[in-house]
Amino acid sequence: MHDPASGVLPSQDIRAMIESGGLRLDAPLVEGQIQPASIDLRLGRVAYRIRASFLPGAKATVAERLPEFSMHEIDLTGGAVLETGCVYLVPLLESIDLPAGIGAVANAKSSTGRLDLFTRLICDRGTEFDRLEPGYSGPLYAEISPRTFSVLARTGVRLNQMRFRAGETRYSGAALSALHSQHRLVHVEGEDSADIDADGVGFSVNLRAVGDGPIGYRAKQHTGLIDLERIGGYDAGDFWEPLFPDRHGRLILDPGAFYILASREAVHVPPDCAAEMTPYSALVGEFRVHYAGFFDPGFGHSATGGSGARGVLEVRCHETPFALEHGQIVGRLVYEAMRETPNILYGIGGLGSNYQGQGLKLSKHFR
């Protein structure tokens, strides 16, 4: 039985945190910033070019450690270029005062991950990225490292998002199986079974084309600049090479290359659940899947227009070429209970739910 006091905080609770001062904003809230189970975090007015990524450690604030790593300061108010191969630290417009029983976790937004824009949250006295312990009070920072495309960023741009958790939120293996029986969390046409255990629901990669379309895209090198606020403004062919299947249903990943692929399974997140995509295992191959891991309540839900929505995989190969096979398990979906059903759902209203009902899809910046 789910404890009604525990769970992922829904949109209405996030708004209440803002109204009570537990979540502080240095600029007024903007439309769509509150999502069904998270809040988008916004870049502040300055970025610091740093010589290395760092964590402040349990006894120091970020501001205390920054002089050791900062190389120069960049004004973001009029827009500035963040270049590939560089690391930046940006104070965010949001800061926080968490109650004792509420922790938080951050992740890159979908569009951020699909640009190979590596983004992590850092907090004072932090010993881990993307994690806030219950009771944390203080500023928030984004570490940003463009991997493939240099980007034009401005104050207010939203690159990552934060989800709040009270108590135990994850479904056990048995509870997850029961949830799947009720809602069919993942589905492959012609198959009834699903790979479910205590670590979540397995998902695999699709390397077989539907019709004449591509199975994925590989990012081109040495492309032009991408303005993060220019939606639908770029020709995909200037930045991406389409990929087509070989006769074996296999794709050989090149070390250092970045790929956009799709899951074989259609994914469903019921309105009273949230989900997060996690890597499967470093032991199955030298590649990383998915920088952006949050799935909101209502994703792929038929009542919100998302029946058949697939997970998009952001894949980067590491040291050696790797042969990725059609149907290979590449990650797991961890499902969590919401404390309450959100009063807004993914795919409904003015949320800018760009990927509801998606198949293989690049970020919203490309036409």
Protein backbone atom coordinates (compact mmCIF):
# COMPACT_ATOMS: atom_id res chain seq x y z
CA MET A 1 0.00 0.00 0.00
CA HIS A 2 1.38 3.40 -0.99
CA ASP A 3 1.95 5.89 1.85
CA PRO A 4 -0.13 8.96 0.87
CA ALA A 5 2.45 11.28 2.48
CA SER A 6 5.22 9.97 0.23
CA GLY A 7 5.73 10.30 -3.49
CA VAL A 8 6.94 12.69 -6.16
CA LEU A 9 5.52 16.17 -5.63
CA PRO A 10 3.01 17.19 -8.33
CA SER A 11 2.67 20.55 -10.05
CA GLN A 12 0.25 21.96 -7.47
CA ASP A 13 2.70 21.23 -4.63
CA ILE A 14 5.54 22.88 -6.56
CA ARG A 15 3.44 26.01 -7.01
CA ALA A 16 2.65 25.96 -3.29
CA MET A 17 6.41 25.79 -2.54
CA ILE A 18 6.91 28.96 -4.58
CA GLU A 19 4.04 30.73 -2.84
CA SER A 20 5.39 29.77 0.61
CA GLY A 21 8.95 30.89 -0.19
CA GLY A 22 10.44 27.40 -0.12
CA LEU A 23 11.37 27.79 -3.78
CA ARG A 24 12.70 31.28 -4.45
CA LEU A 25 12.77 32.94 -7.87
CA ASP A 26 15.03 35.86 -8.88
CA ALA A 27 12.72 36.57 -11.83
CA PRO A 28 8.96 36.04 -12.20
CA LEU A 29 7.73 32.54 -13.03
CA VAL A 30 7.22 32.05 -16.77
CA GLU A 31 4.50 30.11 -18.56
CA GLY A 32 5.23 26.39 -18.77
CA GLN A 33 8.04 26.51 -16.22
CA ILE A 34 6.11 24.27 -13.83
CA GLN A 35 5.74 20.81 -15.37
CA PRO A 36 3.50 17.97 -14.11
CA ALA A 37 6.19 16.57 -11.79
CA SER A 38 9.08 19.05 -11.98
CA ILE A 39 10.09 22.66 -12.41
CA ASP A 40 12.36 23.97 -15.14
CA LEU A 41 15.45 25.77 -13.87
CA ARG A 42 16.64 28.96 -15.61
CA LEU A 43 20.11 30.25 -16.33
CA GLY A 44 21.08 33.37 -14.41
CA ARG A 45 22.82 36.51 -15.58
CA VAL A 46 26.42 35.36 -15.69
CA ALA A 47 28.40 32.27 -16.71
CA TYR A 48 31.88 31.36 -15.48
CA ARG A 49 34.24 29.58 -17.84
CA ILE A 50 35.94 27.03 -15.59
CA ARG A 51 39.01 24.93 -16.25
CA ALA A 52 37.51 21.75 -14.81
CA SER A 53 34.28 20.36 -13.49
CA PHE A 54 34.19 20.23 -9.69
CA LEU A 55 32.06 19.49 -6.65
CA PRO A 56 32.42 21.81 -3.64
CA GLY A 57 32.60 18.98 -1.10
CA ALA A 58 30.81 18.65 2.22
CA LYS A 59 32.50 21.64 3.89
CA ALA A 60 32.46 24.34 1.22
CA THR A 61 30.08 26.42 -0.86
CA VAL A 62 30.32 26.69 -4.62
CA ALA A 63 31.19 30.40 -4.30
CA GLU A 64 34.09 29.55 -1.98
CA ARG A 65 35.56 27.03 -4.45
CA LEU A 66 34.86 28.95 -7.66
CA PRO A 67 38.02 31.14 -7.58
CA GLU A 68 40.13 27.96 -7.80
CA PHE A 69 38.57 27.03 -11.15
CA SER A 70 37.18 30.17 -12.79
CA MET A 71 39.02 31.49 -15.87
CA HIS A 72 36.75 34.35 -16.89
CA GLU A 73 33.21 35.68 -16.50
CA ILE A 74 30.64 35.93 -19.32
CA ASP A 75 27.55 38.17 -19.38
CA LEU A 76 24.48 36.16 -20.43
CA THR A 77 21.94 38.99 -20.36
CA GLY A 78 22.45 39.82 -24.03
CA GLY A 79 23.35 36.28 -25.10
CA ALA A 80 26.74 34.57 -25.25
CA VAL A 81 28.29 31.62 -27.04
CA LEU A 82 29.09 28.50 -25.01
CA GLU A 83 31.65 26.57 -27.02
CA THR A 84 32.18 22.86 -27.48
CA GLY A 85 34.94 21.37 -25.38
CA CYS A 86 34.54 24.00 -22.65
CA VAL A 87 32.97 23.78 -19.19
CA TYR A 88 30.82 26.55 -17.72
CA LEU A 89 29.23 27.18 -14.34
CA VAL A 90 26.06 29.29 -14.23
CA PRO A 91 24.21 30.46 -11.09
CA LEU A 92 20.49 29.80 -11.62
CA LEU A 93 17.56 32.16 -11.13
CA GLU A 94 16.07 29.66 -8.67
CA SER A 95 17.26 28.95 -5.14
CA ILE A 96 15.68 26.72 -2.53
CA ASP A 97 14.84 26.06 1.11
CA LEU A 98 13.77 22.41 1.30
CA PRO A 99 11.85 21.10 4.32
CA ALA A 100 13.39 18.26 6.29
CA GLY A 101 11.38 15.51 4.60
CA ILE A 102 11.76 16.64 0.98
CA GLY A 103 14.75 15.89 -1.26
CA ALA A 104 15.27 16.75 -4.91
CA VAL A 105 16.87 15.34 -8.02
CA ALA A 106 17.72 17.15 -11.27
CA ASN A 107 18.13 16.08 -14.86
CA ALA A 108 18.61 17.67 -18.27
CA LYS A 109 15.50 18.59 -20.23
CA SER A 110 14.74 16.51 -23.32
CA SER A 111 15.81 19.20 -25.77
CA THR A 112 19.06 19.69 -23.85
CA GLY A 113 20.00 16.03 -24.08
CA ARG A 114 19.10 15.83 -27.77
CA LEU A 115 21.65 18.59 -28.47
CA ASP A 116 24.39 16.66 -26.66
CA LEU A 117 24.52 19.52 -24.18
CA PHE A 118 25.81 17.94 -20.98
CA THR A 119 24.20 19.70 -18.00
CA ARG A 120 24.33 18.92 -14.27
CA LEU A 121 23.07 20.59 -11.10
CA ILE A 122 25.50 21.61 -8.34
CA CYS A 123 24.66 22.87 -4.85
CA ASP A 124 26.60 24.17 -1.87
CA ARG A 125 28.37 21.48 0.17
CA GLY A 126 27.42 19.00 -2.49
CA THR A 127 29.20 15.67 -2.86
CA GLU A 128 27.08 14.47 -5.80
CA PHE A 129 25.77 16.07 -8.97
CA ASP A 130 22.02 16.41 -9.53
CA ARG A 131 21.08 15.59 -5.93
CA LEU A 132 19.77 17.80 -3.11
CA GLU A 133 19.51 16.27 0.33
CA PRO A 134 16.32 16.86 2.37
CA GLY A 135 16.56 20.18 4.18
CA TYR A 136 19.03 21.77 1.74
CA SER A 137 18.85 25.55 1.73
CA GLY A 138 20.87 27.67 -0.66
CA PRO A 139 21.67 28.61 -4.26
CA LEU A 140 21.65 26.33 -7.28
CA TYR A 141 24.14 26.17 -10.16
CA ALA A 142 24.20 24.50 -13.56
CA GLU A 143 27.37 23.01 -14.97
CA ILE A 144 27.19 23.10 -18.77
CA SER A 145 29.49 21.41 -21.27
CA PRO A 146 28.52 21.49 -24.98
CA ARG A 147 29.79 18.24 -26.50
CA THR A 148 28.85 18.49 -30.19
CA PHE A 149 27.23 21.86 -31.00
CA SER A 150 28.28 25.28 -29.73
CA VAL A 151 25.19 27.12 -28.46
CA LEU A 152 23.99 30.67 -27.93
CA ALA A 153 22.58 30.96 -24.40
CA ARG A 154 20.81 33.80 -22.60
CA THR A 155 19.54 34.54 -19.11
CA GLY A 156 16.30 32.64 -18.57
CA VAL A 157 17.07 29.70 -20.87
CA ARG A 158 15.86 26.42 -19.34
CA LEU A 159 18.31 23.54 -19.71
CA ASN A 160 17.56 21.32 -16.72
CA GLN A 161 14.67 20.51 -14.42
CA MET A 162 14.19 19.49 -10.81
CA ARG A 163 11.89 16.89 -9.30
CA PHE A 164 10.99 16.74 -5.59
CA ARG A 165 10.54 13.55 -3.59
CA ALA A 166 9.02 12.78 -0.19
CA GLY A 167 9.79 9.42 1.41
CA GLU A 168 10.01 6.21 -0.60
CA THR A 169 8.73 6.78 -4.13
CA ARG A 170 9.94 3.83 -6.23
CA TYR A 171 7.70 0.90 -7.11
CA SER A 172 9.03 -2.48 -6.05
CA GLY A 173 9.39 -5.23 -8.64
CA ALA A 174 6.10 -6.82 -7.62
CA ALA A 175 4.24 -3.49 -7.55
CA LEU A 176 5.72 -2.60 -10.93
CA SER A 177 4.50 -5.88 -12.42
CA ALA A 178 1.02 -5.17 -11.09
CA LEU A 179 1.15 -1.64 -12.51
CA HIS A 180 2.19 -3.03 -15.89
CA SER A 181 -0.69 -5.51 -15.85
CA GLN A 182 -3.07 -2.63 -15.29
CA HIS A 183 -1.58 0.01 -17.60
CA ARG A 184 0.83 -1.74 -20.01
CA LEU A 185 3.82 0.47 -19.25
CA VAL A 186 5.81 -0.62 -22.30
CA HIS A 187 4.60 -2.30 -25.45
CA VAL A 188 6.11 -3.82 -28.58
CA GLU A 189 3.67 -4.71 -31.34
CA GLY A 190 3.10 -8.47 -31.38
CA GLU A 191 4.72 -9.07 -27.97
CA ASP A 192 3.02 -9.45 -24.60
CA SER A 193 5.93 -9.82 -22.21
CA ALA A 194 8.02 -7.09 -20.56
CA ASP A 195 11.41 -7.19 -18.81
CA ILE A 196 10.48 -6.12 -15.26
CA ASP A 197 12.47 -6.47 -12.04
CA ALA A 198 13.30 -4.49 -8.91
CA ASP A 199 15.51 -2.15 -10.97
CA GLY A 200 12.69 -1.11 -13.31
CA VAL A 201 11.27 -1.88 -16.75
CA GLY A 202 13.78 -2.73 -19.46
CA PHE A 203 13.75 -0.88 -22.76
CA SER A 204 15.66 -1.69 -25.92
CA VAL A 205 16.89 0.05 -29.05
CA ASN A 206 15.09 0.02 -32.40
CA LEU A 207 17.37 -0.47 -35.42
CA ARG A 208 14.74 -1.44 -37.98
CA ALA A 209 13.13 1.22 -40.14
CA VAL A 210 9.42 1.84 -40.43
CA GLY A 211 8.80 2.54 -44.13
CA ASP A 212 11.57 4.47 -45.85
CA GLY A 213 12.55 6.58 -42.85
CA PRO A 214 15.85 6.53 -40.96
CA ILE A 215 16.47 4.52 -37.81
CA GLY A 216 18.42 7.37 -36.24
CA TYR A 217 20.74 10.31 -36.72
CA ARG A 218 24.46 10.89 -36.19
CA ALA A 219 25.58 14.41 -35.33
CA LYS A 220 27.85 16.15 -37.82
CA GLN A 221 31.07 17.75 -36.65
CA HIS A 222 32.09 21.41 -37.07
CA THR A 223 28.56 22.70 -37.63
CA GLY A 224 27.14 26.18 -37.15
CA LEU A 225 25.90 27.70 -33.92
CA ILE A 226 22.53 26.78 -32.36
CA ASP A 227 20.53 29.53 -30.65
CA LEU A 228 18.78 27.74 -27.78
CA GLU A 229 15.72 29.98 -28.10
CA ARG A 230 15.27 29.54 -31.86
CA ILE A 231 12.60 26.84 -32.12
CA GLY A 232 12.20 25.10 -35.47
CA GLY A 233 14.82 27.39 -36.95
CA TYR A 234 17.41 24.97 -38.29
CA ASP A 235 17.54 22.55 -41.19
CA ALA A 236 18.27 19.12 -39.73
CA GLY A 237 20.49 18.23 -42.69
CA ASP A 238 22.98 20.93 -41.71
CA PHE A 239 23.58 19.27 -38.35
CA TRP A 240 22.62 15.59 -38.66
CA GLU A 241 23.34 12.62 -40.89
CA PRO A 242 20.38 10.20 -41.19
CA LEU A 243 21.14 6.54 -40.51
CA PHE A 244 19.56 3.55 -42.24
CA PRO A 245 19.53 -0.10 -41.14
CA ASP A 246 21.91 -2.71 -42.40
CA ARG A 247 20.64 -6.21 -43.22
CA HIS A 248 21.70 -7.51 -39.80
CA GLY A 249 19.71 -4.97 -37.77
CA ARG A 250 22.94 -3.61 -36.39
CA LEU A 251 24.63 -0.22 -35.99
CA ILE A 252 28.35 0.13 -35.28
CA LEU A 253 28.90 3.10 -33.01
CA ASP A 254 31.97 5.27 -33.63
CA PRO A 255 33.96 6.36 -30.55
CA GLY A 256 33.23 9.99 -29.75
CA ALA A 257 30.21 10.21 -32.07
CA PHE A 258 26.76 11.24 -30.85
CA TYR A 259 23.57 9.50 -32.00
CA ILE A 260 19.83 9.99 -31.70
CA LEU A 261 17.97 6.66 -31.74
CA ALA A 262 14.57 5.46 -30.55
CA SER A 263 13.37 2.77 -28.20
CA ARG A 264 11.73 -0.35 -29.64
CA GLU A 265 9.03 -0.07 -26.99
CA ALA A 266 6.20 2.42 -26.79
CA VAL A 267 6.33 3.95 -23.30
CA HIS A 268 3.36 4.79 -21.09
CA VAL A 269 3.48 6.80 -17.87
CA PRO A 270 0.06 6.83 -16.14
CA PRO A 271 -1.11 10.17 -14.68
CA ASP A 272 -0.44 9.09 -11.08
CA CYS A 273 3.15 8.03 -11.83
CA ALA A 274 6.44 9.56 -12.88
CA ALA A 275 9.34 7.74 -14.50
CA GLU A 276 13.06 8.15 -15.01
CA MET A 277 15.31 6.51 -17.58
CA THR A 278 18.50 5.06 -16.12
CA PRO A 279 21.51 3.37 -17.79
CA TYR A 280 21.35 -0.40 -17.91
CA SER A 281 24.88 -1.45 -17.07
CA ALA A 282 28.38 -0.36 -17.97
CA LEU A 283 29.12 -4.05 -18.50
CA VAL A 284 26.98 -4.38 -21.64
CA GLY A 285 29.11 -2.05 -23.78
CA GLU A 286 31.22 1.09 -23.84
CA PHE A 287 28.44 3.56 -24.51
CA ARG A 288 26.18 5.91 -22.59
CA VAL A 289 22.44 6.18 -23.25
CA HIS A 290 20.28 9.18 -22.42
CA TYR A 291 21.39 12.39 -20.76
CA ALA A 292 17.78 13.49 -20.14
CA GLY A 293 15.92 10.96 -18.06
CA PHE A 294 12.60 12.35 -16.75
CA PHE A 295 9.26 11.14 -18.10
CA ASP A 296 6.33 13.19 -16.83
CA PRO A 297 2.91 11.88 -15.75
CA GLY A 298 0.82 11.50 -18.89
CA PHE A 299 3.70 10.75 -21.27
CA GLY A 300 2.45 8.25 -23.83
CA HIS A 301 -0.98 8.25 -22.18
CA SER A 302 -3.75 7.82 -24.77
CA ALA A 303 -6.08 10.32 -23.04
CA THR A 304 -3.44 13.05 -23.50
CA GLY A 305 -2.69 12.28 -27.13
CA GLY A 306 0.40 10.20 -26.56
CA SER A 307 -0.55 6.64 -27.42
CA GLY A 308 2.50 4.90 -28.81
CA ALA A 309 5.12 7.44 -27.65
CA ARG A 310 8.64 6.02 -27.83
CA GLY A 311 11.61 6.94 -25.73
CA VAL A 312 14.31 8.79 -27.64
CA LEU A 313 17.83 7.61 -26.84
CA GLU A 314 20.81 9.94 -26.79
CA VAL A 315 23.77 7.66 -27.33
CA ARG A 316 27.49 8.35 -27.10
CA CYS A 317 30.13 5.68 -27.68
CA HIS A 318 33.31 5.80 -25.59
CA GLU A 319 36.65 4.08 -26.11
CA THR A 320 36.13 1.50 -28.86
CA PRO A 321 33.69 0.94 -31.74
CA PHE A 322 30.67 -1.00 -30.51
CA ALA A 323 28.13 -3.05 -32.47
CA LEU A 324 24.67 -2.17 -31.19
CA GLU A 325 22.04 -4.80 -32.08
CA HIS A 326 18.32 -4.33 -32.75
CA GLY A 327 16.38 -5.18 -29.59
CA GLN A 328 19.40 -4.89 -27.29
CA ILE A 329 18.46 -3.76 -23.77
CA VAL A 330 20.08 -0.36 -23.21
CA GLY A 331 18.41 0.98 -20.06
CA ARG A 332 15.63 0.71 -17.54
CA LEU A 333 12.63 2.85 -16.67
CA VAL A 334 12.25 3.43 -12.95
CA TYR A 335 8.65 4.24 -12.04
CA GLU A 336 7.73 6.32 -9.01
CA ALA A 337 4.42 7.05 -7.31
CA MET A 338 3.13 10.62 -7.35
CA ARG A 339 2.03 12.03 -4.02
CA GLU A 340 -1.09 13.21 -5.88
CA THR A 341 -2.15 13.21 -9.51
CA PRO A 342 -0.86 16.50 -10.99
CA ASN A 343 -3.38 19.15 -11.96
CA ILE A 344 -1.56 19.41 -15.31
CA LEU A 345 -0.43 16.47 -17.43
CA TYR A 346 2.16 16.06 -20.16
CA GLY A 347 0.60 16.71 -23.55
CA ILE A 348 -2.32 18.84 -22.30
CA GLY A 349 -2.56 22.62 -22.32
CA GLY A 350 0.18 25.16 -22.91
CA LEU A 351 3.07 23.11 -21.55
CA GLY A 352 4.98 22.96 -24.82
CA SER A 353 4.96 19.15 -24.68
CA ASN A 354 7.04 18.82 -27.82
CA TYR A 355 7.56 15.06 -27.69
CA GLN A 356 4.12 13.66 -26.88
CA GLY A 357 3.19 10.88 -29.32
CA GLN A 358 6.74 10.89 -30.65
CA GLY A 359 8.63 8.35 -32.67
CA LEU A 360 12.21 9.10 -33.65
CA LYS A 361 12.54 12.86 -33.20
CA LEU A 362 15.31 15.44 -33.02
CA SER A 363 15.14 18.38 -30.62
CA LYS A 364 12.56 21.11 -31.14
CA HIS A 365 15.22 23.38 -32.68
CA PHE A 366 15.18 21.46 -35.99
CA ARG A 367 12.59 21.42 -38.73
